[in-house]
Amino acid sequence: MLFENKNMGPIVILVLINMSAALAYNCLPRDYGHGSIVCVCNTQHCDAIPRVQKVEATSYIVYTSDKAGQRFNITTNKFQRVKRDNKRGYFSKQGCKQQTLKDYPMSRRKHYRSVKKLWNITQKTETETKEILINQDVTYQSILGFGGAFTDAAGINIKSLNKDLQNKLMRSYFSDDGIEYNLGRVPIGGTDFSPRGYTYLDTDEDEDYTEDLLLTTFQLAKEDYSYKIPLIQEALKLRNNLLLLGSGWTAPKWMKENRKYNGNFAYLRKEMYEPWANYFIKFLDAYRNHNITFWGITTGNEIYFAMGLFKIPAVLWTPEEIKDWIRLYFGPAIKNSSYSNIKILTNEDNRPTLTHSLDTVFSEKQNLEYIDGVAIHWYFDHDFNAYILDETHHKFPDKFLLYTEACNGMAPLKPVLLGAWERAEKYAKNIFEDLNHWVVGWMDWNMALDLGGGPSYIENFVDSSIIVNATGQEFYKQPMYYAIGHFSKFIPRDSVRIYSSQCNSEVEVVAFKKPDGGVVIVILNTSDSIQRRSIVDAVKGQISLELSSHSITTVLYW
């Protein structure tokens, strides 16, 4: 049976309709009673999304996924032309709420004023069809990409499948007929999603206080050889422009004041500042020996979050301490090595930490030269604090902002909810918000977990975009997978965000100009009703859309 949740009455009719819609677009649906469906991949079947083919200039393509069961439903249509001599009047009576002047950098405010004067945008009533206005001449940040993490847990789950299913899962993420991930985060040593705590300088007897300041005993762990390296090599075959970001969780116990892997007040001992910097170089060397090179490296995972009483392995820093560590040890170690071109990202913690930490770290002018970007996690993001991203961008405009971790299902929530559309919407809303506030890319956490949301040796179980059922030899693509895919599949690297008018809290919009000249517009409808929108691009014309309730839509044209 395709559906394990057999509710009676009208719900059965609705589910069957959804099943038909999903099957028509190559998804094998299953309803677990959490609001929407998962798409099942097994030995006989796994849905695919062919790479987008360019259409003629008079046409556009629409991809839709929704709570009702559509997954990348494809339609094409023709533009409706807007007469050039009527554009002034057309724009004066149509339109959504415009972005404010402060949303534009100083260099573009003059252009903004001219656009606003021409279009004279006003807010429409709820009963009218709102317009989404696109201006390809107003540009913002360039996009780096989208991806997920090669954790031990992901590797354990992927490797629990037969070879055919392993290949299907990897293709689902990285191939041209998948969602085309082009970023991968690689933990340096163990994380909370490892089968055990470990670093690359542990002894077999786990002698906590054996010090090796010259790192002569450094060696990769069995998890690297069994899970990370093989899957990274496979991903690189599928996506040759994959960029890898290395991120460290914990230093060896003997380097830390608390002599533990976890981050409970786990400061690094001052005499270990230099060995800890050199540890990263050793990691890059070891992976290079397996023909794996890194685009970027961070100064450490959640270095401030570790202040609390948490079991997650970590090294704790104060902003003053990491400022000095970067300037005196980490920055020079990287720049004086054969990895001098690698991108260095700092912070790698939650949004509220940005203001104070970056002001402190960048108060050292040398650190401005060492640091290329800022890594951010999503766990304390709220609509009211998105301004922090704008402030950070305007303070440090040459430092890119990259989201490097997100996941649903953290305690006290149930870790895994198969088919939970609200978790897809939560992902999508965060990606919309981030991209509209100068962020250049977004990365999911574990690429695959089991039905319980693990393994995690500290039992920090969460949800994942793909859930593996090893016993049944199948895996499930969650709605979250498709939410990310509406961005990662269609917004290639070096796309540039362009102006799109913002309508209301129920319909969110972000737009991009691709390197090949195409335009990508992603729209999120979180309301319980159909929302009617018209996309108006002065260069191209008008597109009329009916956005199904609780849907994500991607529109493409050239």
Protein backbone atom coordinates (compact mmCIF):
# COMPACT_ATOMS: atom_id res chain seq x y z
CA MET A 1 0.00 0.00 0.00
CA LEU A 2 1.21 3.49 -0.81
CA PHE A 3 -0.54 5.09 2.16
CA GLU A 4 0.01 3.80 5.66
CA ASN A 5 -2.26 6.37 7.31
CA LYS A 6 -5.80 5.24 6.40
CA ASN A 7 -8.13 7.92 7.71
CA MET A 8 -11.75 7.58 6.74
CA GLY A 9 -14.21 9.98 5.20
CA PRO A 10 -13.46 13.04 3.04
CA ILE A 11 -9.77 12.91 3.96
CA VAL A 12 -9.42 9.68 1.99
CA ILE A 13 -10.78 11.36 -1.13
CA LEU A 14 -8.39 14.28 -0.70
CA VAL A 15 -5.40 12.02 -0.22
CA LEU A 16 -6.23 10.01 -3.32
CA ILE A 17 -6.44 13.17 -5.38
CA ASN A 18 -3.07 14.23 -4.03
CA MET A 19 -1.64 10.81 -4.84
CA SER A 20 -2.71 11.11 -8.45
CA ALA A 21 -1.23 14.57 -8.77
CA ALA A 22 2.07 13.47 -7.28
CA LEU A 23 2.30 10.29 -9.37
CA ALA A 24 1.76 12.33 -12.50
CA TYR A 25 5.01 14.14 -11.76
CA ASN A 26 7.07 11.08 -10.95
CA CYS A 27 6.75 11.12 -7.16
CA LEU A 28 5.80 7.88 -5.43
CA PRO A 29 3.81 9.39 -2.53
CA ARG A 30 3.17 8.09 0.93
CA ASP A 31 1.13 9.82 3.63
CA TYR A 32 2.22 9.37 7.24
CA GLY A 33 -0.46 11.70 8.58
CA HIS A 34 1.67 14.79 9.15
CA GLY A 35 -0.06 17.12 6.71
CA SER A 36 1.53 16.25 3.38
CA ILE A 37 3.39 13.43 1.65
CA VAL A 38 6.92 12.11 1.32
CA CYS A 39 8.23 10.86 -2.01
CA VAL A 40 9.45 7.29 -1.65
CA CYS A 41 12.61 6.08 -3.34
CA ASN A 42 13.18 2.34 -3.57
CA THR A 43 14.90 -0.10 -5.91
CA GLN A 44 12.10 0.23 -8.47
CA HIS A 45 11.44 3.96 -8.37
CA CYS A 46 12.86 7.36 -7.45
CA ASP A 47 11.59 10.71 -8.68
CA ALA A 48 13.87 12.95 -10.74
CA ILE A 49 13.78 16.55 -11.92
CA PRO A 50 15.39 17.00 -15.35
CA ARG A 51 17.71 19.97 -15.75
CA VAL A 52 15.84 23.06 -16.95
CA GLN A 53 15.89 23.62 -20.69
CA LYS A 54 15.87 27.17 -21.98
CA VAL A 55 12.58 28.23 -23.55
CA GLU A 56 11.90 30.81 -26.24
CA ALA A 57 11.86 34.46 -25.26
CA THR A 58 8.07 34.72 -25.38
CA SER A 59 7.55 31.86 -22.90
CA TYR A 60 8.13 31.09 -19.23
CA ILE A 61 8.26 27.95 -17.07
CA VAL A 62 6.55 27.47 -13.71
CA TYR A 63 7.52 24.80 -11.15
CA THR A 64 5.19 24.24 -8.19
CA SER A 65 5.36 22.16 -5.03
CA ASP A 66 2.65 22.36 -2.39
CA LYS A 67 1.11 20.85 0.70
CA ALA A 68 -1.55 19.18 -1.46
CA GLY A 69 1.07 16.88 -2.99
CA GLN A 70 2.51 18.57 -6.06
CA ARG A 71 6.29 18.17 -6.35
CA PHE A 72 7.95 20.28 -9.05
CA ASN A 73 4.80 20.31 -11.14
CA ILE A 74 5.84 21.87 -14.48
CA THR A 75 3.77 24.18 -16.68
CA THR A 76 4.72 26.58 -19.48
CA ASN A 77 2.91 29.57 -20.86
CA LYS A 78 3.32 32.74 -22.89
CA PHE A 79 3.97 36.26 -21.63
CA GLN A 80 1.18 38.79 -21.83
CA ARG A 81 2.56 41.95 -23.35
CA VAL A 82 2.24 45.33 -21.67
CA LYS A 83 1.96 48.19 -24.13
CA ARG A 84 4.95 50.47 -23.71
CA ASP A 85 2.90 53.68 -23.92
CA ASN A 86 0.62 52.41 -21.15
CA LYS A 87 3.33 51.38 -18.69
CA ARG A 88 3.26 54.53 -16.60
CA GLY A 89 -0.49 54.22 -16.05
CA TYR A 90 -0.26 50.46 -15.62
CA PHE A 91 2.31 50.65 -12.85
CA SER A 92 0.57 53.54 -11.11
CA LYS A 93 -2.55 51.45 -10.48
CA GLN A 94 -0.94 48.09 -9.79
CA GLY A 95 1.68 46.87 -7.38
CA CYS A 96 2.69 45.50 -4.03
CA LYS A 97 4.26 47.32 -1.16
CA GLN A 98 7.61 48.68 -2.27
CA GLN A 99 10.87 48.17 -0.45
CA THR A 100 11.98 51.27 1.43
CA LEU A 101 14.88 53.51 0.59
CA LYS A 102 16.99 52.11 3.41
CA ASP A 103 16.91 48.69 1.70
CA TYR A 104 19.21 50.10 -0.99
CA PRO A 105 22.94 50.86 -0.69
CA MET A 106 23.82 54.54 -1.03
CA SER A 107 25.16 54.05 -4.54
CA ARG A 108 21.75 52.88 -5.79
CA ARG A 109 19.39 55.22 -3.95
CA LYS A 110 19.30 57.70 -6.82
CA HIS A 111 18.23 54.91 -9.18
CA TYR A 112 15.69 53.72 -6.64
CA ARG A 113 14.08 57.17 -6.49
CA SER A 114 13.75 57.29 -10.26
CA VAL A 115 12.14 53.85 -10.35
CA LYS A 116 9.73 54.75 -7.54
CA LYS A 117 8.78 58.01 -9.25
CA LEU A 118 8.11 56.22 -12.54
CA TRP A 119 6.09 53.38 -11.10
CA ASN A 120 4.35 55.30 -8.30
CA ILE A 121 3.72 52.02 -6.51
CA THR A 122 0.73 51.76 -4.17
CA GLN A 123 -0.61 49.04 -1.90
CA LYS A 124 -3.58 47.17 -3.37
CA THR A 125 -6.51 45.79 -1.43
CA GLU A 126 -6.73 42.08 -0.56
CA THR A 127 -9.53 41.52 -3.10
CA GLU A 128 -7.38 42.60 -6.05
CA THR A 129 -4.66 40.72 -7.85
CA LYS A 130 -1.38 42.10 -6.58
CA GLU A 131 1.55 42.72 -8.85
CA ILE A 132 5.09 41.49 -8.29
CA LEU A 133 7.31 44.03 -10.00
CA ILE A 134 10.68 42.91 -11.34
CA ASN A 135 13.47 45.34 -12.19
CA GLN A 136 16.50 43.63 -13.70
CA ASP A 137 18.57 46.81 -13.49
CA VAL A 138 18.61 46.95 -9.67
CA THR A 139 21.07 44.34 -8.41
CA TYR A 140 22.33 43.12 -5.04
CA GLN A 141 24.57 40.19 -4.01
CA SER A 142 25.92 37.37 -6.14
CA ILE A 143 24.90 33.85 -5.15
CA LEU A 144 27.43 31.21 -4.09
CA GLY A 145 25.08 28.25 -3.82
CA PHE A 146 23.17 25.74 -1.72
CA GLY A 147 24.01 22.42 -0.10
CA GLY A 148 24.22 20.22 2.99
CA ALA A 149 26.66 18.53 5.35
CA PHE A 150 28.65 15.30 4.97
CA THR A 151 28.19 14.26 8.59
CA ASP A 152 29.01 10.82 9.93
CA ALA A 153 25.29 10.28 10.51
CA ALA A 154 24.53 11.06 6.87
CA GLY A 155 27.25 8.66 5.75
CA ILE A 156 26.09 5.87 8.07
CA ASN A 157 22.53 6.14 6.76
CA ILE A 158 23.47 6.40 3.10
CA LYS A 159 25.83 3.44 3.41
CA SER A 160 23.05 1.38 5.06
CA LEU A 161 21.30 1.27 1.67
CA ASN A 162 22.18 -1.02 -1.21
CA LYS A 163 24.46 0.36 -3.93
CA ASP A 164 21.60 1.24 -6.25
CA LEU A 165 19.80 3.26 -3.57
CA GLN A 166 23.02 4.94 -2.46
CA ASN A 167 23.46 6.13 -6.01
CA LYS A 168 19.86 7.35 -6.21
CA LEU A 169 20.20 9.29 -2.98
CA MET A 170 23.44 10.96 -4.02
CA ARG A 171 22.00 11.78 -7.44
CA SER A 172 18.94 13.26 -5.74
CA TYR A 173 21.19 15.88 -4.20
CA PHE A 174 24.05 16.45 -6.62
CA SER A 175 23.18 15.40 -10.17
CA ASP A 176 21.60 17.34 -13.02
CA ASP A 177 18.38 15.37 -12.46
CA GLY A 178 18.47 16.10 -8.73
CA ILE A 179 18.37 19.44 -6.90
CA GLU A 180 21.94 20.26 -7.95
CA TYR A 181 23.66 21.01 -4.63
CA ASN A 182 26.94 22.83 -5.23
CA LEU A 183 28.07 23.36 -1.63
CA GLY A 184 29.14 20.74 0.91
CA ARG A 185 30.07 21.22 4.55
CA VAL A 186 32.59 18.76 5.96
CA PRO A 187 33.05 18.35 9.72
CA ILE A 188 36.67 18.33 10.86
CA GLY A 189 36.56 15.37 13.23
CA GLY A 190 33.51 14.28 15.19
CA THR A 191 30.24 16.13 15.77
CA ASP A 192 27.10 15.47 17.78
CA PHE A 193 25.98 13.45 14.71
CA SER A 194 28.80 10.94 15.00
CA PRO A 195 28.60 7.45 16.49
CA ARG A 196 31.15 8.53 19.13
CA GLY A 197 33.15 11.52 20.26
CA TYR A 198 36.53 11.80 18.55
CA THR A 199 39.24 14.05 17.15
CA TYR A 200 42.28 13.32 15.00
CA LEU A 201 44.66 13.34 17.95
CA ASP A 202 43.11 10.70 20.21
CA THR A 203 44.98 7.60 21.32
CA ASP A 204 43.50 4.11 21.13
CA GLU A 205 43.39 4.05 24.93
CA ASP A 206 41.78 7.54 25.00
CA GLU A 207 44.53 8.92 27.20
CA ASP A 208 43.00 12.33 27.79
CA TYR A 209 46.16 14.05 28.94
CA THR A 210 48.66 12.81 26.34
CA GLU A 211 49.93 15.99 24.69
CA ASP A 212 51.35 16.09 21.17
CA LEU A 213 52.11 19.74 20.48
CA LEU A 214 53.78 18.97 17.15
CA LEU A 215 50.77 16.91 16.01
CA THR A 216 52.99 13.98 15.04
CA THR A 217 50.22 11.45 15.77
CA PHE A 218 47.57 13.24 13.71
CA GLN A 219 45.54 10.79 11.64
CA LEU A 220 42.10 10.71 10.08
CA ALA A 221 39.46 8.58 11.79
CA LYS A 222 37.74 5.45 10.54
CA GLU A 223 34.61 7.57 9.96
CA ASP A 224 36.50 9.67 7.38
CA TYR A 225 37.50 6.57 5.44
CA SER A 226 34.13 4.83 5.71
CA TYR A 227 31.68 7.69 5.31
CA LYS A 228 32.96 11.17 4.53
CA ILE A 229 35.67 10.63 1.93
CA PRO A 230 33.80 8.07 -0.25
CA LEU A 231 30.63 10.16 -0.37
CA ILE A 232 32.49 13.40 -1.05
CA GLN A 233 34.33 11.72 -3.91
CA GLU A 234 31.01 10.47 -5.30
CA ALA A 235 29.47 13.93 -4.98
CA LEU A 236 32.41 15.48 -6.83
CA LYS A 237 31.83 13.10 -9.72
CA LEU A 238 28.19 14.19 -9.90
CA ARG A 239 28.83 17.92 -9.40
CA ASN A 240 32.24 19.08 -10.58
CA ASN A 241 31.73 22.63 -9.31
CA LEU A 242 31.05 21.43 -5.75
CA LEU A 243 32.70 23.72 -3.19
CA LEU A 244 33.65 22.21 0.17
CA LEU A 245 33.70 24.05 3.48
CA GLY A 246 35.60 22.55 6.42
CA SER A 247 34.30 23.19 9.93
CA GLY A 248 35.74 22.03 13.24
CA TRP A 249 33.68 21.14 16.32
CA THR A 250 36.04 20.20 19.12
CA ALA A 251 39.76 20.17 19.79
CA PRO A 252 41.38 17.13 21.40
CA LYS A 253 40.56 16.86 25.10
CA TRP A 254 44.11 17.65 26.15
CA MET A 255 43.95 21.02 24.38
CA LYS A 256 40.89 22.14 26.37
CA GLU A 257 40.49 23.44 29.88
CA ASN A 258 37.58 21.15 30.69
CA ARG A 259 39.33 18.04 29.27
CA LYS A 260 36.10 16.99 27.52
CA TYR A 261 34.79 16.86 23.98
CA ASN A 262 31.64 18.79 24.81
CA GLY A 263 31.33 22.55 24.94
CA ASN A 264 30.43 23.05 28.58
CA PHE A 265 32.78 25.99 29.31
CA ALA A 266 35.29 24.30 27.02
CA TYR A 267 37.86 27.04 26.48
CA LEU A 268 41.07 26.25 24.64
CA ARG A 269 44.18 26.38 26.78
CA LYS A 270 46.27 29.41 25.79
CA GLU A 271 49.36 27.29 25.13
CA MET A 272 47.30 25.32 22.59
CA TYR A 273 46.45 28.28 20.35
CA GLU A 274 49.22 27.47 17.87
CA PRO A 275 48.73 23.66 17.82
CA TRP A 276 44.98 24.15 17.27
CA ALA A 277 45.65 26.40 14.26
CA ASN A 278 48.08 23.84 12.85
CA TYR A 279 45.48 21.10 13.36
CA PHE A 280 43.41 22.63 10.53
CA ILE A 281 46.41 22.55 8.19
CA LYS A 282 46.93 18.87 9.01
CA PHE A 283 43.29 18.20 8.11
CA LEU A 284 43.60 19.95 4.75
CA ASP A 285 46.78 17.97 4.03
CA ALA A 286 45.12 14.67 4.89
CA TYR A 287 42.13 15.27 2.61
CA ARG A 288 44.33 16.54 -0.20
CA ASN A 289 46.01 13.14 -0.12
CA HIS A 290 42.61 11.78 -1.22
CA ASN A 291 42.30 14.38 -4.02
CA ILE A 292 39.79 16.41 -2.02
CA THR A 293 40.45 20.14 -1.79
CA PHE A 294 38.55 22.78 0.12
CA TRP A 295 37.15 26.10 -1.01
CA GLY A 296 36.70 27.39 2.54
CA ILE A 297 37.29 26.78 6.21
CA THR A 298 35.65 28.26 9.30
CA THR A 299 37.09 29.32 12.64
CA GLY A 300 34.89 26.76 14.41
CA ASN A 301 31.33 25.57 14.88
CA GLU A 302 29.10 27.53 17.31
CA ILE A 303 31.99 28.99 19.25
CA TYR A 304 29.74 31.17 21.42
CA PHE A 305 26.76 28.83 21.78
CA ALA A 306 29.08 26.51 23.73
CA MET A 307 28.88 28.92 26.66
CA GLY A 308 25.77 27.10 27.84
CA LEU A 309 25.48 23.71 29.48
CA PHE A 310 25.31 21.81 26.21
CA LYS A 311 26.49 18.33 25.34
CA ILE A 312 27.50 19.27 21.79
CA PRO A 313 31.26 18.92 21.19
CA ALA A 314 32.78 22.37 20.81
CA VAL A 315 35.54 24.82 21.58
CA LEU A 316 34.33 27.91 23.41
CA TRP A 317 35.73 31.35 22.60
CA THR A 318 35.06 34.87 23.72
CA PRO A 319 35.13 37.44 20.90
CA GLU A 320 38.32 38.91 22.36
CA GLU A 321 40.03 35.54 22.44
CA ILE A 322 39.14 34.49 18.92
CA LYS A 323 40.13 37.93 17.66
CA ASP A 324 43.64 37.29 18.98
CA TRP A 325 43.70 33.66 17.83
CA ILE A 326 42.82 34.62 14.25
CA ARG A 327 45.34 37.48 14.15
CA LEU A 328 48.27 35.68 15.79
CA TYR A 329 47.80 32.03 14.85
CA PHE A 330 44.97 30.91 12.56
CA GLY A 331 45.24 33.64 9.93
CA PRO A 332 49.04 33.38 9.58
CA ALA A 333 48.90 29.55 9.60
CA ILE A 334 46.47 29.51 6.66
CA LYS A 335 47.99 32.35 4.66
CA ASN A 336 51.57 31.06 5.03
CA SER A 337 50.57 27.55 3.96
CA SER A 338 49.89 26.02 0.56
CA TYR A 339 46.22 26.86 1.23
CA SER A 340 46.66 30.62 1.14
CA ASN A 341 43.78 30.99 -1.35
CA ILE A 342 41.24 29.19 0.82
CA LYS A 343 38.35 31.34 2.06
CA ILE A 344 38.28 31.89 5.83
CA LEU A 345 34.84 32.32 7.42
CA THR A 346 34.43 33.46 10.99
CA ASN A 347 31.63 33.41 13.57
CA GLU A 348 29.70 30.28 12.43
CA ASP A 349 27.14 30.83 15.13
CA ASN A 350 23.60 32.17 15.35
CA ARG A 351 22.38 35.49 13.99
CA PRO A 352 22.11 37.35 17.32
CA THR A 353 25.87 36.88 17.92
CA LEU A 354 26.89 38.81 14.82
CA THR A 355 26.92 42.40 16.01
CA HIS A 356 29.18 42.19 19.06
CA SER A 357 31.39 39.36 17.84
CA LEU A 358 32.20 40.85 14.45
CA ASP A 359 32.77 44.34 15.83
CA THR A 360 35.33 42.81 18.16
CA VAL A 361 37.01 40.45 15.68
CA PHE A 362 37.26 43.11 12.98
CA SER A 363 38.55 45.76 15.38
CA GLU A 364 41.91 44.21 14.48
CA LYS A 365 42.71 45.48 10.99
CA GLN A 366 44.79 42.39 10.28
CA ASN A 367 41.69 40.23 10.70
CA LEU A 368 39.94 42.22 8.00
CA GLU A 369 42.63 40.94 5.64
CA TYR A 370 42.46 37.34 6.86
CA ILE A 371 38.66 36.90 6.95
CA ASP A 372 36.69 36.57 3.71
CA GLY A 373 33.19 35.80 4.96
CA VAL A 374 30.80 35.23 7.85
CA ALA A 375 29.16 31.86 8.55
CA ILE A 376 25.73 31.92 10.22
CA HIS A 377 23.34 29.33 11.70
CA TRP A 378 19.58 29.69 11.67
CA TYR A 379 18.54 28.55 15.16
CA PHE A 380 17.67 31.92 16.66
CA ASP A 381 16.43 33.62 13.51
CA HIS A 382 13.22 35.59 13.80
CA ASP A 383 11.47 38.01 11.47
CA PHE A 384 12.26 40.88 13.82
CA ASN A 385 16.03 40.39 13.78
CA ALA A 386 16.68 40.19 10.04
CA TYR A 387 17.96 43.76 10.28
CA ILE A 388 21.13 42.29 11.83
CA LEU A 389 22.03 40.85 8.42
CA ASP A 390 21.61 44.26 6.78
CA GLU A 391 23.69 45.93 9.47
CA THR A 392 26.43 43.35 9.09
CA HIS A 393 26.49 43.73 5.32
CA HIS A 394 26.65 47.51 5.45
CA LYS A 395 29.36 47.51 8.13
CA PHE A 396 31.51 44.96 6.32
CA PRO A 397 30.37 45.04 2.67
CA ASP A 398 33.35 43.05 1.40
CA LYS A 399 32.61 40.09 3.74
CA PHE A 400 30.04 37.70 2.30
CA LEU A 401 27.31 36.19 4.50
CA LEU A 402 26.73 32.43 4.19
CA TYR A 403 24.23 30.28 6.10
CA THR A 404 25.99 27.02 6.93
CA GLU A 405 23.51 25.07 9.10
CA ALA A 406 19.79 24.60 9.63
CA CYS A 407 17.55 21.78 10.82
CA ASN A 408 14.04 21.17 12.13
CA GLY A 409 12.91 18.88 14.92
CA MET A 410 15.13 19.99 17.78
CA ALA A 411 13.99 18.96 21.28
CA PRO A 412 11.38 19.21 22.71
CA LEU A 413 9.80 18.70 19.26
CA LYS A 414 9.42 15.25 17.72
CA PRO A 415 12.62 14.77 15.71
CA VAL A 416 11.24 13.26 12.50
CA LEU A 417 7.84 14.13 11.06
CA LEU A 418 7.45 12.39 7.72
CA GLY A 419 5.60 14.66 5.32
CA ALA A 420 5.42 17.76 7.57
CA TRP A 421 4.79 20.66 5.18
CA GLU A 422 5.13 23.27 7.92
CA ARG A 423 8.79 22.31 8.26
CA ALA A 424 9.27 22.90 4.53
CA GLU A 425 7.66 26.32 4.91
CA LYS A 426 9.91 27.11 7.85
CA TYR A 427 12.96 26.32 5.71
CA ALA A 428 11.63 28.29 2.78
CA LYS A 429 10.73 31.35 4.85
CA ASN A 430 14.23 31.43 6.28
CA ILE A 431 15.85 31.13 2.85
CA PHE A 432 13.64 33.93 1.48
CA GLU A 433 14.48 36.16 4.42
CA ASP A 434 18.21 35.47 4.22
CA LEU A 435 18.51 35.96 0.47
CA ASN A 436 16.54 39.20 0.68
CA HIS A 437 19.05 40.45 3.28
CA TRP A 438 22.38 39.95 1.46
CA VAL A 439 23.07 36.27 2.21
CA VAL A 440 24.91 34.50 -0.64
CA GLY A 441 23.98 30.88 0.08
CA TRP A 442 22.25 28.43 2.39
CA MET A 443 23.24 24.97 3.64
CA ASP A 444 21.14 22.28 5.27
CA TRP A 445 22.53 20.16 8.12
CA ASN A 446 22.56 16.32 7.86
CA MET A 447 21.81 15.19 4.33
CA ALA A 448 20.31 11.93 5.61
CA LEU A 449 19.13 10.61 8.98
CA ASP A 450 17.30 7.49 10.14
CA LEU A 451 13.66 7.22 11.21
CA GLY A 452 14.58 8.35 14.72
CA GLY A 453 16.57 11.37 13.58
CA GLY A 454 20.03 9.93 14.19
CA PRO A 455 22.44 8.47 14.89
CA SER A 456 23.74 10.96 17.45
CA TYR A 457 26.00 9.76 20.23
CA ILE A 458 24.65 12.50 22.52
CA GLU A 459 21.04 11.77 21.41
CA ASN A 460 20.56 15.17 19.82
CA PHE A 461 18.02 13.79 17.33
CA VAL A 462 16.54 16.09 14.65
CA ASP A 463 14.83 15.96 11.25
CA SER A 464 16.43 15.80 7.82
CA SER A 465 15.46 16.52 4.23
CA ILE A 466 15.95 12.84 3.42
CA ILE A 467 15.08 10.08 5.88
CA VAL A 468 16.50 6.58 5.39
CA ASN A 469 14.63 3.39 6.26
CA ALA A 470 17.46 0.85 6.21
CA THR A 471 15.24 -2.07 7.20
CA GLY A 472 12.83 -1.40 4.34
CA GLN A 473 15.66 -0.47 1.95
CA GLU A 474 14.04 2.78 0.91
CA PHE A 475 14.38 6.48 1.64
CA TYR A 476 11.92 9.34 1.86
CA LYS A 477 12.24 12.79 0.38
CA GLN A 478 10.70 15.15 2.86
CA PRO A 479 8.89 18.36 1.86
CA MET A 480 12.02 20.16 3.12
CA TYR A 481 14.00 18.59 0.28
CA TYR A 482 11.72 20.20 -2.28
CA ALA A 483 11.68 23.52 -0.43
CA ILE A 484 15.46 23.77 -0.77
CA GLY A 485 15.29 22.44 -4.31
CA HIS A 486 13.14 25.36 -5.46
CA PHE A 487 16.26 27.46 -4.88
CA SER A 488 19.23 25.12 -5.40
CA LYS A 489 17.92 23.61 -8.64
CA PHE A 490 17.19 26.88 -10.39
CA ILE A 491 19.59 29.51 -9.00
CA PRO A 492 23.09 28.64 -10.24
CA ARG A 493 26.29 30.06 -8.80
CA ASP A 494 27.02 33.67 -9.82
CA SER A 495 23.35 34.49 -10.25
CA VAL A 496 22.67 38.01 -8.97
CA ARG A 497 19.68 39.00 -6.89
CA ILE A 498 17.56 41.64 -8.60
CA TYR A 499 14.75 43.89 -7.41
CA SER A 500 11.37 42.29 -6.67
CA SER A 501 8.56 44.11 -4.90
CA GLN A 502 7.40 42.50 -1.66
CA CYS A 503 3.67 41.91 -1.24
CA ASN A 504 2.75 40.80 2.26
CA SER A 505 3.67 38.32 4.97
CA GLU A 506 1.66 35.53 3.32
CA VAL A 507 3.40 35.78 -0.06
CA GLU A 508 7.17 36.18 -0.17
CA VAL A 509 9.26 36.83 -3.25
CA VAL A 510 12.91 36.79 -4.28
CA ALA A 511 14.32 37.17 -7.82
CA PHE A 512 17.63 36.59 -9.60
CA LYS A 513 19.37 37.16 -12.92
CA LYS A 514 21.25 34.03 -13.97
CA PRO A 515 24.68 34.06 -15.65
CA ASP A 516 23.02 33.01 -18.93
CA GLY A 517 20.70 36.03 -18.79
CA GLY A 518 17.65 34.16 -17.54
CA VAL A 519 15.49 35.34 -14.66
CA VAL A 520 14.46 33.16 -11.71
CA ILE A 521 11.64 34.21 -9.36
CA VAL A 522 10.76 32.14 -6.29
CA ILE A 523 7.44 32.74 -4.53
CA LEU A 524 6.13 31.32 -1.26
CA ASN A 525 2.43 31.26 -0.36
CA THR A 526 1.93 30.36 3.32
CA SER A 527 -1.79 31.15 3.39
CA ASP A 528 -4.69 28.70 3.46
CA SER A 529 -6.10 30.13 0.23
CA ILE A 530 -5.16 30.59 -3.40
CA GLN A 531 -3.27 33.83 -3.93
CA ARG A 532 -3.43 35.55 -7.31
CA ARG A 533 -0.34 37.40 -8.46
CA SER A 534 0.86 38.99 -11.68
CA ILE A 535 4.59 39.22 -12.28
CA VAL A 536 5.38 42.34 -14.28
CA ASP A 537 8.83 42.71 -15.82
CA ALA A 538 9.09 45.91 -17.86
CA VAL A 539 11.51 44.13 -20.21
CA LYS A 540 9.41 41.01 -20.76
CA GLY A 541 5.76 41.61 -19.99
CA GLN A 542 3.26 40.09 -17.59
CA ILE A 543 2.78 36.63 -16.05
CA SER A 544 -0.49 35.72 -14.35
CA LEU A 545 -0.27 33.15 -11.55
CA GLU A 546 -2.63 31.37 -9.22
CA LEU A 547 -0.52 30.27 -6.26
CA SER A 548 -2.06 27.23 -4.60
CA SER A 549 -2.38 27.34 -0.82
CA HIS A 550 0.80 26.48 1.08
CA SER A 551 2.96 26.34 -2.04
CA ILE A 552 6.42 27.16 -3.32
CA THR A 553 6.66 28.31 -6.93
CA THR A 554 9.68 28.95 -9.12
CA VAL A 555 9.27 30.90 -12.37
CA LEU A 556 11.97 30.99 -15.06
CA TYR A 557 12.29 32.93 -18.30
CA TRP A 558 14.94 34.26 -20.66
